[in-house]
Amino acid sequence: QVQLVESGGGLVQTGGSLTLSCIASERDVRPYAMAWFRQAPGKEREFVAGITWNGDRTISGESNKGRFTISKYTNGATLALQLTKLEPEDTAVYYCASRGLSYGVPVPHPQSYAYWGRGTQVTVSS
């Protein structure tokens, strides 16, 4: 069973930056596409960014606006999300997810992901 653990969330002012990390418990996540989602209170889970299993291609959600960068460490078991130019509307719990499908591509649909972390809270103050 793959376990994902996010870290790096916190409180930041408008315009600030944060870097989130997601560590997988098993190195077998290396062949899986991974993604970051977020969910604000009262809203549906929203796709933020995704990356292919080998890191050669990324896709971004509408909320990204070119401000967030997803990357995968060379060990294949660690995912990062760099958040810049944060706005109060970015306040949410951020989740790491893995597709669990070998060599699959990232997609923006939460139901396509087999493994999820518990999330890390990002709060942006105005």
Protein backbone atom coordinates (compact mmCIF):
# COMPACT_ATOMS: atom_id res chain seq x y z
CA GLN A 1 0.00 0.00 0.00
CA VAL A 2 1.45 3.31 -1.07
CA GLN A 3 1.34 6.06 1.51
CA LEU A 4 1.87 9.70 0.65
CA VAL A 5 2.81 12.34 3.22
CA GLU A 6 2.66 16.03 2.44
CA SER A 7 4.52 18.79 4.25
CA GLY A 8 5.48 22.43 3.82
CA GLY A 9 2.14 24.15 4.27
CA GLY A 10 1.67 27.15 6.52
CA LEU A 11 0.56 30.74 6.84
CA VAL A 12 1.91 33.24 4.32
CA GLN A 13 1.06 36.79 3.30
CA THR A 14 -0.34 37.76 -0.09
CA GLY A 15 2.43 37.67 -2.67
CA GLY A 16 4.48 35.19 -0.68
CA SER A 17 5.82 31.77 -1.60
CA LEU A 18 5.80 28.24 -0.22
CA THR A 19 7.21 24.92 -1.33
CA LEU A 20 5.19 21.81 -0.62
CA SER A 21 6.69 18.33 -0.56
CA CYS A 22 5.17 14.89 -0.85
CA ILE A 23 7.09 11.79 0.10
CA ALA A 24 5.93 8.32 -0.87
CA SER A 25 6.45 5.37 1.40
CA GLU A 26 7.44 3.07 -1.41
CA ARG A 27 9.85 3.58 -4.25
CA ASP A 28 7.37 1.78 -6.45
CA VAL A 29 5.62 5.08 -7.12
CA ARG A 30 8.42 5.85 -9.53
CA PRO A 31 6.48 4.64 -12.61
CA TYR A 32 3.32 6.55 -11.64
CA ALA A 33 2.08 9.93 -12.76
CA MET A 34 1.45 12.22 -9.81
CA ALA A 35 -0.42 15.42 -9.14
CA TRP A 36 -1.36 18.08 -6.64
CA PHE A 37 -4.96 18.95 -5.88
CA ARG A 38 -6.44 21.42 -3.45
CA GLN A 39 -9.73 21.81 -1.66
CA ALA A 40 -11.08 24.92 0.01
CA PRO A 41 -13.94 24.77 2.54
CA GLY A 42 -17.27 24.23 0.82
CA LYS A 43 -15.68 23.67 -2.59
CA GLU A 44 -14.86 20.65 -4.72
CA ARG A 45 -11.38 19.23 -4.96
CA GLU A 46 -9.51 21.12 -7.67
CA PHE A 47 -6.63 20.02 -9.87
CA VAL A 48 -3.52 22.19 -9.44
CA ALA A 49 -0.77 20.49 -11.44
CA GLY A 50 0.36 17.07 -12.63
CA ILE A 51 3.56 15.43 -13.81
CA THR A 52 4.39 12.32 -15.82
CA TRP A 53 6.12 9.36 -14.19
CA ASN A 54 9.55 10.40 -15.48
CA GLY A 55 9.03 14.14 -15.05
CA ASP A 56 9.29 14.99 -18.74
CA ARG A 57 5.91 16.65 -19.00
CA THR A 58 3.69 18.68 -16.72
CA ILE A 59 0.17 20.02 -16.97
CA SER A 60 -1.41 22.85 -15.00
CA GLY A 61 -4.86 23.55 -13.69
CA GLU A 62 -6.76 26.75 -14.31
CA SER A 63 -5.89 28.09 -10.87
CA ASN A 64 -2.20 27.86 -11.60
CA LYS A 65 -1.89 30.97 -13.81
CA GLY A 66 1.79 30.16 -14.23
CA ARG A 67 2.49 30.72 -10.55
CA PHE A 68 2.96 27.12 -9.42
CA THR A 69 5.64 24.66 -10.48
CA ILE A 70 5.43 20.91 -10.00
CA SER A 71 8.55 18.76 -10.01
CA LYS A 72 9.57 15.22 -9.23
CA TYR A 73 12.86 14.42 -7.57
CA THR A 74 15.22 12.06 -9.36
CA ASN A 75 14.58 9.33 -6.81
CA GLY A 76 11.03 9.22 -8.15
CA ALA A 77 9.50 9.02 -4.71
CA THR A 78 9.34 12.71 -3.84
CA LEU A 79 7.08 15.30 -5.39
CA ALA A 80 7.28 19.05 -4.91
CA LEU A 81 5.03 22.01 -5.62
CA GLN A 82 6.49 25.49 -5.59
CA LEU A 83 3.84 28.13 -4.94
CA THR A 84 4.59 31.76 -5.77
CA LYS A 85 2.62 35.02 -5.85
CA LEU A 86 0.08 33.51 -3.50
CA GLU A 87 -3.35 35.08 -3.14
CA PRO A 88 -6.00 34.65 -0.44
CA GLU A 89 -8.01 32.60 -2.98
CA ASP A 90 -5.22 29.99 -2.86
CA THR A 91 -6.10 29.16 0.74
CA ALA A 92 -6.93 25.45 0.84
CA VAL A 93 -5.76 22.03 1.89
CA TYR A 94 -3.28 20.79 -0.71
CA TYR A 95 -3.21 17.08 -1.49
CA CYS A 96 -0.65 14.92 -3.21
CA ALA A 97 -1.97 12.06 -5.35
CA SER A 98 -0.54 9.18 -7.36
CA ARG A 99 -2.34 7.49 -10.24
CA GLY A 100 -1.14 3.99 -9.43
CA LEU A 101 -1.14 3.25 -13.16
CA SER A 102 2.26 2.35 -14.56
CA TYR A 103 3.60 4.94 -16.96
CA GLY A 104 0.28 6.75 -17.07
CA VAL A 105 -0.09 10.47 -17.67
CA PRO A 106 -1.49 12.98 -15.22
CA VAL A 107 -5.12 13.95 -15.67
CA PRO A 108 -7.19 16.61 -13.90
CA HIS A 109 -9.82 14.21 -12.49
CA PRO A 110 -9.51 13.20 -8.82
CA GLN A 111 -11.29 9.88 -9.44
CA SER A 112 -8.38 8.77 -11.64
CA TYR A 113 -5.94 8.72 -8.71
CA ALA A 114 -5.52 5.63 -6.57
CA TYR A 115 -3.43 7.00 -3.70
CA TRP A 116 -3.81 10.18 -1.67
CA GLY A 117 -2.06 11.92 1.15
CA ARG A 118 -3.88 13.55 4.07
CA GLY A 119 -3.08 17.04 2.88
CA THR A 120 -1.26 20.10 4.12
CA GLN A 121 -2.96 23.40 4.92
CA VAL A 122 -1.96 26.55 3.04
CA THR A 123 -3.39 29.81 4.36
CA VAL A 124 -2.78 33.10 2.60
CA SER A 125 -3.56 36.26 4.54
CA SER A 126 -4.55 39.51 2.87
